[in-house]
PDB file of N, CA and C in Angstrom:
ATOM      1  N   MET A   1     105.345  86.420 138.357  1.00  0.00           N
ATOM      2  CA  MET A   1     104.916  87.453 137.448  1.00  0.00           C
ATOM      3  C   MET A   1     106.087  87.936 136.584  1.00  0.00           C
ATOM      4  N   ILE A   2     107.270  87.992 137.181  1.00  0.00           N
ATOM      5  CA  ILE A   2     108.443  88.455 136.449  1.00  0.00           C
ATOM      6  C   ILE A   2     108.762  87.515 135.283  1.00  0.00           C
ATOM      7  N   ILE A   3     108.565  86.223 135.492  1.00  0.00           N
ATOM      8  CA  ILE A   3     108.830  85.262 134.421  1.00  0.00           C
ATOM      9  C   ILE A   3     107.896  85.507 133.241  1.00  0.00           C
ATOM     10  N   PHE A   4     106.630  85.806 133.539  1.00  0.00           N
ATOM     11  CA  PHE A   4     105.683  86.102 132.466  1.00  0.00           C
ATOM     12  C   PHE A   4     106.052  87.388 131.730  1.00  0.00           C
ATOM     13  N   LEU A   5     106.540  88.372 132.473  1.00  0.00           N
ATOM     14  CA  LEU A   5     106.968  89.617 131.837  1.00  0.00           C
ATOM     15  C   LEU A   5     108.177  89.361 130.937  1.00  0.00           C
ATOM     16  N   ALA A   6     109.108  88.549 131.416  1.00  0.00           N
ATOM     17  CA  ALA A   6     110.270  88.197 130.591  1.00  0.00           C
ATOM     18  C   ALA A   6     109.836  87.446 129.335  1.00  0.00           C
ATOM     19  N   ALA A   7     108.883  86.537 129.490  1.00  0.00           N
ATOM     20  CA  ALA A   7     108.374  85.804 128.327  1.00  0.00           C
ATOM     21  C   ALA A   7     107.680  86.750 127.348  1.00  0.00           C
ATOM     22  N   HIS A   8     106.966  87.731 127.875  1.00  0.00           N
ATOM     23  CA  HIS A   8     106.304  88.721 127.032  1.00  0.00           C
ATOM     24  C   HIS A   8     107.336  89.499 126.212  1.00  0.00           C
ATOM     25  N   PHE A   9     108.405  89.934 126.872  1.00  0.00           N
ATOM     26  CA  PHE A   9     109.468  90.654 126.162  1.00  0.00           C
ATOM     27  C   PHE A   9     110.167  89.751 125.158  1.00  0.00           C
ATOM     28  N   SER A  10     110.409  88.512 125.548  1.00  0.00           N
ATOM     29  CA  SER A  10     111.088  87.576 124.659  1.00  0.00           C
ATOM     30  C   SER A  10     110.247  87.296 123.414  1.00  0.00           C
ATOM     31  N   ARG A  11     108.947  87.168 123.595  1.00  0.00           N
ATOM     32  CA  ARG A  11     108.048  86.936 122.460  1.00  0.00           C
ATOM     33  C   ARG A  11     108.094  88.096 121.471  1.00  0.00           C
ATOM     34  N   GLY A  12     108.278  89.298 121.997  1.00  0.00           N
ATOM     35  CA  GLY A  12     108.381  90.478 121.149  1.00  0.00           C
ATOM     36  C   GLY A  12     109.792  90.724 120.636  1.00  0.00           C
ATOM     37  N   ASN A  13     110.685  89.772 120.887  1.00  0.00           N
ATOM     38  CA  ASN A  13     112.082  89.847 120.434  1.00  0.00           C
ATOM     39  C   ASN A  13     112.846  90.991 121.114  1.00  0.00           C
ATOM     40  N   HIS A  14     112.492  91.288 122.362  1.00  0.00           N
ATOM     41  CA  HIS A  14     113.189  92.282 123.174  1.00  0.00           C
ATOM     42  C   HIS A  14     113.993  91.541 124.236  1.00  0.00           C
ATOM     43  N   ASN A  15     115.039  90.859 123.788  1.00  0.00           N
ATOM     44  CA  ASN A  15     115.769  89.953 124.663  1.00  0.00           C
ATOM     45  C   ASN A  15     116.507  90.667 125.785  1.00  0.00           C
ATOM     46  N   VAL A  16     116.976  91.877 125.541  1.00  0.00           N
ATOM     47  CA  VAL A  16     117.666  92.632 126.598  1.00  0.00           C
ATOM     48  C   VAL A  16     116.681  92.943 127.727  1.00  0.00           C
ATOM     49  N   LEU A  17     115.470  93.348 127.376  1.00  0.00           N
ATOM     50  CA  LEU A  17     114.451  93.615 128.393  1.00  0.00           C
ATOM     51  C   LEU A  17     114.037  92.331 129.109  1.00  0.00           C
ATOM     52  N   ALA A  18     114.016  91.223 128.386  1.00  0.00           N
ATOM     53  CA  ALA A  18     113.668  89.939 129.010  1.00  0.00           C
ATOM     54  C   ALA A  18     114.708  89.560 130.058  1.00  0.00           C
ATOM     55  N   ILE A  19     115.971  89.694 129.724  1.00  0.00           N
ATOM     56  CA  ILE A  19     117.039  89.367 130.672  1.00  0.00           C
ATOM     57  C   ILE A  19     117.033  90.337 131.837  1.00  0.00           C
ATOM     58  N   ALA A  20     116.845  91.618 131.555  1.00  0.00           N
ATOM     59  CA  ALA A  20     116.806  92.625 132.624  1.00  0.00           C
ATOM     60  C   ALA A  20     115.650  92.356 133.581  1.00  0.00           C
ATOM     61  N   SER A  21     114.506  91.967 133.052  1.00  0.00           N
ATOM     62  CA  SER A  21     113.370  91.700 133.927  1.00  0.00           C
ATOM     63  C   SER A  21     113.611  90.456 134.781  1.00  0.00           C
ATOM     64  N   LEU A  22     114.364  89.492 134.282  1.00  0.00           N
ATOM     65  CA  LEU A  22     114.692  88.317 135.086  1.00  0.00           C
ATOM     66  C   LEU A  22     115.659  88.643 136.215  1.00  0.00           C
ATOM     67  N   LEU A  23     116.424  89.713 136.056  1.00  0.00           N
ATOM     68  CA  LEU A  23     117.380  90.107 137.094  1.00  0.00           C
ATOM     69  C   LEU A  23     116.749  90.977 138.186  1.00  0.00           C
ATOM     70  N   ILE A  24     115.589  91.529 137.920  1.00  0.00           N
ATOM     71  CA  ILE A  24     114.940  92.452 138.862  1.00  0.00           C
ATOM     72  C   ILE A  24     114.720  91.851 140.250  1.00  0.00           C
ATOM     73  N   PRO A  25     114.265  90.602 140.383  1.00  0.00           N
ATOM     74  CA  PRO A  25     114.029  90.075 141.735  1.00  0.00           C
ATOM     75  C   PRO A  25     115.280  90.040 142.622  1.00  0.00           C
ATOM     76  N   PHE A  26     116.443  90.016 142.029  1.00  0.00           N
ATOM     77  CA  PHE A  26     117.670  89.999 142.817  1.00  0.00           C
ATOM     78  C   PHE A  26     117.879  91.302 143.582  1.00  0.00           C
ATOM     79  N   LEU A  27     117.162  92.350 143.195  1.00  0.00           N
ATOM     80  CA  LEU A  27     117.248  93.606 143.947  1.00  0.00           C
ATOM     81  C   LEU A  27     116.724  93.453 145.369  1.00  0.00           C
ATOM     82  N   PHE A  28     115.851  92.465 145.603  1.00  0.00           N
ATOM     83  CA  PHE A  28     115.322  92.261 146.951  1.00  0.00           C
ATOM     84  C   PHE A  28     116.419  91.925 147.959  1.00  0.00           C
ATOM     85  N   PHE A  29     117.550  91.446 147.481  1.00  0.00           N
ATOM     86  CA  PHE A  29     118.657  91.124 148.380  1.00  0.00           C
ATOM     87  C   PHE A  29     119.399  92.361 148.873  1.00  0.00           C
ATOM     88  N   VAL A  30     119.176  93.487 148.215  1.00  0.00           N
ATOM     89  CA  VAL A  30     119.813  94.747 148.616  1.00  0.00           C
ATOM     90  C   VAL A  30     118.856  95.462 149.565  1.00  0.00           C
ATOM     91  N   LYS A  31     119.249  95.590 150.795  1.00  0.00           N
ATOM     92  CA  LYS A  31     118.375  96.195 151.812  1.00  0.00           C
ATOM     93  C   LYS A  31     118.596  97.706 151.869  1.00  0.00           C
ATOM     94  N   GLN A  32     118.171  98.385 150.825  1.00  0.00           N
ATOM     95  CA  GLN A  32     118.284  99.834 150.728  1.00  0.00           C
ATOM     96  C   GLN A  32     116.912 100.421 150.431  1.00  0.00           C
ATOM     97  N   LYS A  33     116.722 101.669 150.829  1.00  0.00           N
ATOM     98  CA  LYS A  33     115.433 102.337 150.603  1.00  0.00           C
ATOM     99  C   LYS A  33     115.113 102.492 149.120  1.00  0.00           C
ATOM    100  N   TRP A  34     116.128 102.789 148.319  1.00  0.00           N
ATOM    101  CA  TRP A  34     115.892 103.035 146.905  1.00  0.00           C
ATOM    102  C   TRP A  34     115.393 101.790 146.178  1.00  0.00           C
ATOM    103  N   VAL A  35     115.708 100.612 146.728  1.00  0.00           N
ATOM    104  CA  VAL A  35     115.303  99.367 146.074  1.00  0.00           C
ATOM    105  C   VAL A  35     113.784  99.248 146.035  1.00  0.00           C
ATOM    106  N   ILE A  36     113.139  99.538 147.154  1.00  0.00           N
ATOM    107  CA  ILE A  36     111.682  99.416 147.211  1.00  0.00           C
ATOM    108  C   ILE A  36     111.020 100.404 146.257  1.00  0.00           C
ATOM    109  N   LEU A  37     111.521 101.620 146.218  1.00  0.00           N
ATOM    110  CA  LEU A  37     110.967 102.604 145.286  1.00  0.00           C
ATOM    111  C   LEU A  37     111.163 102.139 143.842  1.00  0.00           C
ATOM    112  N   THR A  38     112.335 101.607 143.544  1.00  0.00           N
ATOM    113  CA  THR A  38     112.616 101.105 142.195  1.00  0.00           C
ATOM    114  C   THR A  38     111.692  99.949 141.841  1.00  0.00           C
ATOM    115  N   LEU A  39     111.525  99.009 142.773  1.00  0.00           N
ATOM    116  CA  LEU A  39     110.660  97.858 142.512  1.00  0.00           C
ATOM    117  C   LEU A  39     109.191  98.277 142.379  1.00  0.00           C
ATOM    118  N   GLU A  40     108.799  99.271 143.139  1.00  0.00           N
ATOM    119  CA  GLU A  40     107.435  99.779 143.029  1.00  0.00           C
ATOM    120  C   GLU A  40     107.209 100.399 141.656  1.00  0.00           C
ATOM    121  N   ILE A  41     108.146 101.197 141.205  1.00  0.00           N
ATOM    122  CA  ILE A  41     108.042 101.812 139.880  1.00  0.00           C
ATOM    123  C   ILE A  41     108.020 100.745 138.795  1.00  0.00           C
ATOM    124  N   VAL A  42     108.869  99.737 138.940  1.00  0.00           N
ATOM    125  CA  VAL A  42     108.902  98.638 137.968  1.00  0.00           C
ATOM    126  C   VAL A  42     107.548  97.927 137.922  1.00  0.00           C
ATOM    127  N   ALA A  43     106.943  97.709 139.086  1.00  0.00           N
ATOM    128  CA  ALA A  43     105.641  97.035 139.119  1.00  0.00           C
ATOM    129  C   ALA A  43     104.582  97.867 138.393  1.00  0.00           C
ATOM    130  N   TYR A  44     104.574  99.167 138.645  1.00  0.00           N
ATOM    131  CA  TYR A  44     103.584 100.021 137.980  1.00  0.00           C
ATOM    132  C   TYR A  44     103.844 100.099 136.465  1.00  0.00           C
ATOM    133  N   LEU A  45     105.111 100.173 136.082  1.00  0.00           N
ATOM    134  CA  LEU A  45     105.432 100.177 134.650  1.00  0.00           C
ATOM    135  C   LEU A  45     105.064  98.847 133.997  1.00  0.00           C
ATOM    136  N   ALA A  46     105.298  97.756 134.709  1.00  0.00           N
ATOM    137  CA  ALA A  46     104.930  96.444 134.177  1.00  0.00           C
ATOM    138  C   ALA A  46     103.418  96.362 133.976  1.00  0.00           C
ATOM    139  N   SER A  47     102.668  96.955 134.875  1.00  0.00           N
ATOM    140  CA  SER A  47     101.214  96.980 134.727  1.00  0.00           C
ATOM    141  C   SER A  47     100.819  97.722 133.461  1.00  0.00           C
ATOM    142  N   VAL A  48     101.476  98.835 133.202  1.00  0.00           N
ATOM    143  CA  VAL A  48     101.209  99.593 131.973  1.00  0.00           C
ATOM    144  C   VAL A  48     101.606  98.777 130.746  1.00  0.00           C
ATOM    145  N   ILE A  49     102.707  98.048 130.835  1.00  0.00           N
ATOM    146  CA  ILE A  49     103.146  97.195 129.723  1.00  0.00           C
ATOM    147  C   ILE A  49     102.103  96.125 129.434  1.00  0.00           C
ATOM    148  N   TRP A  50     101.534  95.530 130.489  1.00  0.00           N
ATOM    149  CA  TRP A  50     100.481  94.532 130.287  1.00  0.00           C
ATOM    150  C   TRP A  50      99.265  95.151 129.599  1.00  0.00           C
ATOM    151  N   LEU A  51      98.897  96.347 130.011  1.00  0.00           N
ATOM    152  CA  LEU A  51      97.741  96.999 129.386  1.00  0.00           C
ATOM    153  C   LEU A  51      98.016  97.356 127.930  1.00  0.00           C
ATOM    154  N   TYR A  52      99.227  97.821 127.654  1.00  0.00           N
ATOM    155  CA  TYR A  52      99.602  98.144 126.276  1.00  0.00           C
ATOM    156  C   TYR A  52      99.600  96.883 125.416  1.00  0.00           C
ATOM    157  N   GLY A  53     100.147  95.802 125.975  1.00  0.00           N
ATOM    158  CA  GLY A  53     100.144  94.531 125.249  1.00  0.00           C
ATOM    159  C   GLY A  53      98.733  94.035 125.017  1.00  0.00           C
ATOM    160  N   ALA A  54      97.887  94.174 126.027  1.00  0.00           N
ATOM    161  CA  ALA A  54      96.495  93.744 125.899  1.00  0.00           C
ATOM    162  C   ALA A  54      95.807  94.514 124.778  1.00  0.00           C
ATOM    163  N   TYR A  55      96.064  95.806 124.717  1.00  0.00           N
ATOM    164  CA  TYR A  55      95.461  96.618 123.661  1.00  0.00           C
ATOM    165  C   TYR A  55      95.867  96.102 122.277  1.00  0.00           C
ATOM    166  N   GLY A  56      97.149  95.825 122.111  1.00  0.00           N
ATOM    167  CA  GLY A  56      97.621  95.317 120.823  1.00  0.00           C
ATOM    168  C   GLY A  56      97.035  93.968 120.473  1.00  0.00           C
ATOM    169  N   TYR A  57      97.006  93.064 121.454  1.00  0.00           N
ATOM    170  CA  TYR A  57      96.454  91.736 121.206  1.00  0.00           C
ATOM    171  C   TYR A  57      94.953  91.794 120.923  1.00  0.00           C
ATOM    172  N   ILE A  58      94.250  92.673 121.619  1.00  0.00           N
ATOM    173  CA  ILE A  58      92.814  92.811 121.387  1.00  0.00           C
ATOM    174  C   ILE A  58      92.553  93.367 119.995  1.00  0.00           C
ATOM    175  N   GLN A  59      93.339  94.343 119.580  1.00  0.00           N
ATOM    176  CA  GLN A  59      93.193  94.886 118.224  1.00  0.00           C
ATOM    177  C   GLN A  59      93.411  93.801 117.175  1.00  0.00           C
ATOM    178  N   LEU A  60      94.383  92.941 117.423  1.00  0.00           N
ATOM    179  CA  LEU A  60      94.655  91.838 116.500  1.00  0.00           C
ATOM    180  C   LEU A  60      93.476  90.874 116.449  1.00  0.00           C
ATOM    181  N   ARG A  61      92.948  90.551 117.614  1.00  0.00           N
ATOM    182  CA  ARG A  61      91.806  89.632 117.665  1.00  0.00           C
ATOM    183  C   ARG A  61      90.568  90.234 116.992  1.00  0.00           C
ATOM    184  N   ILE A  62      90.337  91.513 117.208  1.00  0.00           N
ATOM    185  CA  ILE A  62      89.185  92.164 116.580  1.00  0.00           C
ATOM    186  C   ILE A  62      89.338  92.157 115.064  1.00  0.00           C
ATOM    187  N   SER A  63      90.551  92.422 114.580  1.00  0.00           N
ATOM    188  CA  SER A  63      90.770  92.470 113.126  1.00  0.00           C
ATOM    189  C   SER A  63      90.608  91.107 112.466  1.00  0.00           C
ATOM    190  N   THR A  64      90.861  90.035 113.228  1.00  0.00           N
ATOM    191  CA  THR A  64      90.689  88.696 112.659  1.00  0.00           C
ATOM    192  C   THR A  64      89.309  88.120 112.956  1.00  0.00           C
ATOM    193  N   GLY A  65      88.498  88.854 113.709  1.00  0.00           N
ATOM    194  CA  GLY A  65      87.151  88.394 114.014  1.00  0.00           C
ATOM    195  C   GLY A  65      87.088  87.380 115.144  1.00  0.00           C
ATOM    196  N   ASP A  66      88.170  87.235 115.893  1.00  0.00           N
ATOM    197  CA  ASP A  66      88.190  86.289 117.006  1.00  0.00           C
ATOM    198  C   ASP A  66      87.604  86.922 118.266  1.00  0.00           C
ATOM    199  N   ASP A  67      87.293  86.054 119.241  1.00  0.00           N
ATOM    200  CA  ASP A  67      86.780  86.508 120.531  1.00  0.00           C
ATOM    201  C   ASP A  67      87.898  87.230 121.283  1.00  0.00           C
ATOM    202  N   TRP A  68      87.588  88.390 121.820  1.00  0.00           N
ATOM    203  CA  TRP A  68      88.610  89.175 122.514  1.00  0.00           C
ATOM    204  C   TRP A  68      88.255  89.482 123.964  1.00  0.00           C
ATOM    205  N   LEU A  69      87.029  89.196 124.383  1.00  0.00           N
ATOM    206  CA  LEU A  69      86.589  89.535 125.734  1.00  0.00           C
ATOM    207  C   LEU A  69      87.363  88.754 126.802  1.00  0.00           C
ATOM    208  N   ARG A  70      87.580  87.470 126.574  1.00  0.00           N
ATOM    209  CA  ARG A  70      88.329  86.659 127.533  1.00  0.00           C
ATOM    210  C   ARG A  70      89.755  87.166 127.675  1.00  0.00           C
ATOM    211  N   LEU A  71      90.357  87.550 126.563  1.00  0.00           N
ATOM    212  CA  LEU A  71      91.700  88.123 126.588  1.00  0.00           C
ATOM    213  C   LEU A  71      91.725  89.407 127.406  1.00  0.00           C
ATOM    214  N   LEU A  72      90.728  90.247 127.234  1.00  0.00           N
ATOM    215  CA  LEU A  72      90.625  91.487 127.995  1.00  0.00           C
ATOM    216  C   LEU A  72      90.539  91.214 129.501  1.00  0.00           C
ATOM    217  N   ILE A  73      89.731  90.235 129.868  1.00  0.00           N
ATOM    218  CA  ILE A  73      89.570  89.904 131.282  1.00  0.00           C
ATOM    219  C   ILE A  73      90.870  89.372 131.864  1.00  0.00           C
ATOM    220  N   ILE A  74      91.516  88.459 131.165  1.00  0.00           N
ATOM    221  CA  ILE A  74      92.759  87.864 131.665  1.00  0.00           C
ATOM    222  C   ILE A  74      93.861  88.907 131.767  1.00  0.00           C
ATOM    223  N   MET A  75      94.075  89.657 130.708  1.00  0.00           N
ATOM    224  CA  MET A  75      95.157  90.652 130.721  1.00  0.00           C
ATOM    225  C   MET A  75      94.850  91.783 131.701  1.00  0.00           C
ATOM    226  N   GLY A  76      93.575  92.138 131.839  1.00  0.00           N
ATOM    227  CA  GLY A  76      93.192  93.147 132.823  1.00  0.00           C
ATOM    228  C   GLY A  76      93.487  92.681 134.238  1.00  0.00           C
ATOM    229  N   CYS A  77      93.189  91.417 134.522  1.00  0.00           N
ATOM    230  CA  CYS A  77      93.495  90.869 135.849  1.00  0.00           C
ATOM    231  C   CYS A  77      94.991  90.817 136.104  1.00  0.00           C
ATOM    232  N   VAL A  78      95.758  90.465 135.097  1.00  0.00           N
ATOM    233  CA  VAL A  78      97.216  90.438 135.241  1.00  0.00           C
ATOM    234  C   VAL A  78      97.739  91.847 135.519  1.00  0.00           C
ATOM    235  N   ALA A  79      97.230  92.831 134.805  1.00  0.00           N
ATOM    236  CA  ALA A  79      97.659  94.220 135.025  1.00  0.00           C
ATOM    237  C   ALA A  79      97.267  94.697 136.422  1.00  0.00           C
ATOM    238  N   LEU A  80      96.063  94.362 136.864  1.00  0.00           N
ATOM    239  CA  LEU A  80      95.632  94.750 138.209  1.00  0.00           C
ATOM    240  C   LEU A  80      96.481  94.076 139.280  1.00  0.00           C
ATOM    241  N   TYR A  81      96.774  92.798 139.098  1.00  0.00           N
ATOM    242  CA  TYR A  81      97.607  92.076 140.053  1.00  0.00           C
ATOM    243  C   TYR A  81      99.005  92.690 140.128  1.00  0.00           C
ATOM    244  N   THR A  82      99.553  93.046 138.985  1.00  0.00           N
ATOM    245  CA  THR A  82     100.879  93.645 138.952  1.00  0.00           C
ATOM    246  C   THR A  82     100.877  95.009 139.631  1.00  0.00           C
ATOM    247  N   ALA A  83      99.838  95.799 139.402  1.00  0.00           N
ATOM    248  CA  ALA A  83      99.730  97.097 140.075  1.00  0.00           C
ATOM    249  C   ALA A  83      99.551  96.898 141.577  1.00  0.00           C
ATOM    250  N   TRP A  84      98.797  95.877 141.974  1.00  0.00           N
ATOM    251  CA  TRP A  84      98.614  95.575 143.391  1.00  0.00           C
ATOM    252  C   TRP A  84      99.946  95.220 144.036  1.00  0.00           C
ATOM    253  N   THR A  85     100.813  94.550 143.290  1.00  0.00           N
ATOM    254  CA  THR A  85     102.143  94.225 143.797  1.00  0.00           C
ATOM    255  C   THR A  85     102.906  95.498 144.138  1.00  0.00           C
ATOM    256  N   GLY A  86     102.831  96.499 143.274  1.00  0.00           N
ATOM    257  CA  GLY A  86     103.475  97.776 143.561  1.00  0.00           C
ATOM    258  C   GLY A  86     102.901  98.425 144.802  1.00  0.00           C
ATOM    259  N   PHE A  87     101.585  98.330 144.963  1.00  0.00           N
ATOM    260  CA  PHE A  87     100.942  98.880 146.155  1.00  0.00           C
ATOM    261  C   PHE A  87     101.380  98.121 147.409  1.00  0.00           C
ATOM    262  N   PHE A  88     101.536  96.805 147.306  1.00  0.00           N
ATOM    263  CA  PHE A  88     101.958  95.971 148.425  1.00  0.00           C
ATOM    264  C   PHE A  88     103.350  96.364 148.918  1.00  0.00           C
ATOM    265  N   LEU A  89     104.183  96.859 148.033  1.00  0.00           N
ATOM    266  CA  LEU A  89     105.535  97.249 148.423  1.00  0.00           C
ATOM    267  C   LEU A  89     105.541  98.441 149.375  1.00  0.00           C
ATOM    268  N   ARG A  90     104.395  99.039 149.609  1.00  0.00           N
ATOM    269  CA  ARG A  90     104.287 100.139 150.575  1.00  0.00           C
ATOM    270  C   ARG A  90     103.799  99.654 151.947  1.00  0.00           C
ATOM    271  N   SER A  91     103.705  98.337 152.137  1.00  0.00           N
ATOM    272  CA  SER A  91     103.194  97.805 153.398  1.00  0.00           C
ATOM    273  C   SER A  91     104.162  98.064 154.549  1.00  0.00           C
ATOM    274  N   ASP A  92     103.628  98.020 155.763  1.00  0.00           N
ATOM    275  CA  ASP A  92     104.437  98.278 156.951  1.00  0.00           C
ATOM    276  C   ASP A  92     105.552  97.252 157.120  1.00  0.00           C
ATOM    277  N   LYS A  93     105.292  96.006 156.791  1.00  0.00           N
ATOM    278  CA  LYS A  93     106.313  94.959 156.929  1.00  0.00           C
ATOM    279  C   LYS A  93     107.489  95.228 155.989  1.00  0.00           C
ATOM    280  N   ILE A  94     107.209  95.611 154.774  1.00  0.00           N
ATOM    281  CA  ILE A  94     108.275  95.922 153.823  1.00  0.00           C
ATOM    282  C   ILE A  94     109.063  97.137 154.310  1.00  0.00           C
ATOM    283  N   LYS A  95     108.354  98.144 154.779  1.00  0.00           N
ATOM    284  CA  LYS A  95     109.035  99.339 155.299  1.00  0.00           C
ATOM    285  C   LYS A  95     109.921  98.988 156.487  1.00  0.00           C
ATOM    286  N   GLU A  96     109.463  98.086 157.315  1.00  0.00           N
ATOM    287  CA  GLU A  96     110.244  97.658 158.485  1.00  0.00           C
ATOM    288  C   GLU A  96     111.518  96.926 158.056  1.00  0.00           C
ATOM    289  N   VAL A  97     111.391  96.013 157.113  1.00  0.00           N
ATOM    290  CA  VAL A  97     112.539  95.230 156.659  1.00  0.00           C
ATOM    291  C   VAL A  97     113.578  96.104 155.975  1.00  0.00           C
ATOM    292  N   TYR A  98     113.123  97.073 155.197  1.00  0.00           N
ATOM    293  CA  TYR A  98     114.047  97.905 154.429  1.00  0.00           C
ATOM    294  C   TYR A  98     114.387  99.220 155.133  1.00  0.00           C
ATOM    295  N   GLY A  99     113.889  99.424 156.341  1.00  0.00           N
ATOM    296  CA  GLY A  99     114.248 100.590 157.119  1.00  0.00           C
ATOM    297  C   GLY A  99     113.729 101.904 156.568  1.00  0.00           C
ATOM    298  N   ILE A 100     112.504 101.861 156.063  1.00  0.00           N
ATOM    299  CA  ILE A 100     111.902 103.078 155.510  1.00  0.00           C
ATOM    300  C   ILE A 100     111.032 103.709 156.574  1.00  0.00           C
ATOM    301  N   ASP A 101     111.231 104.991 156.813  1.00  0.00           N
ATOM    302  CA  ASP A 101     110.445 105.712 157.810  1.00  0.00           C
ATOM    303  C   ASP A 101     109.088 106.089 157.244  1.00  0.00           C
ATOM    304  N   GLY A 102     108.086 106.147 158.121  1.00  0.00           N
ATOM    305  CA  GLY A 102     106.760 106.641 157.725  1.00  0.00           C
ATOM    306  C   GLY A 102     105.941 105.569 157.200  1.00  0.00           C
TER     307      GLY A 102
END
């Protein structure tokens, strides 16, 4: 998913964000509590970015008279999957590995 987010940023000519998003998975190597919270926030923000991008792409498709429903379904699923990833970071196994109480 991170590669797709980097490609999304790169397509929009936001190369710094593309490189930063490619570096995000390396945070998993740091076994600190703040890492999971940071990654969870990143996942939720990425979900919002997908929805914002979907809105823009759908507006473009509507203005050109192209089909936009399939795009809505695909981008909506990507946003939901990304948000689910953030929710998954609250699992008991992740909390155990990173030493998070509760």
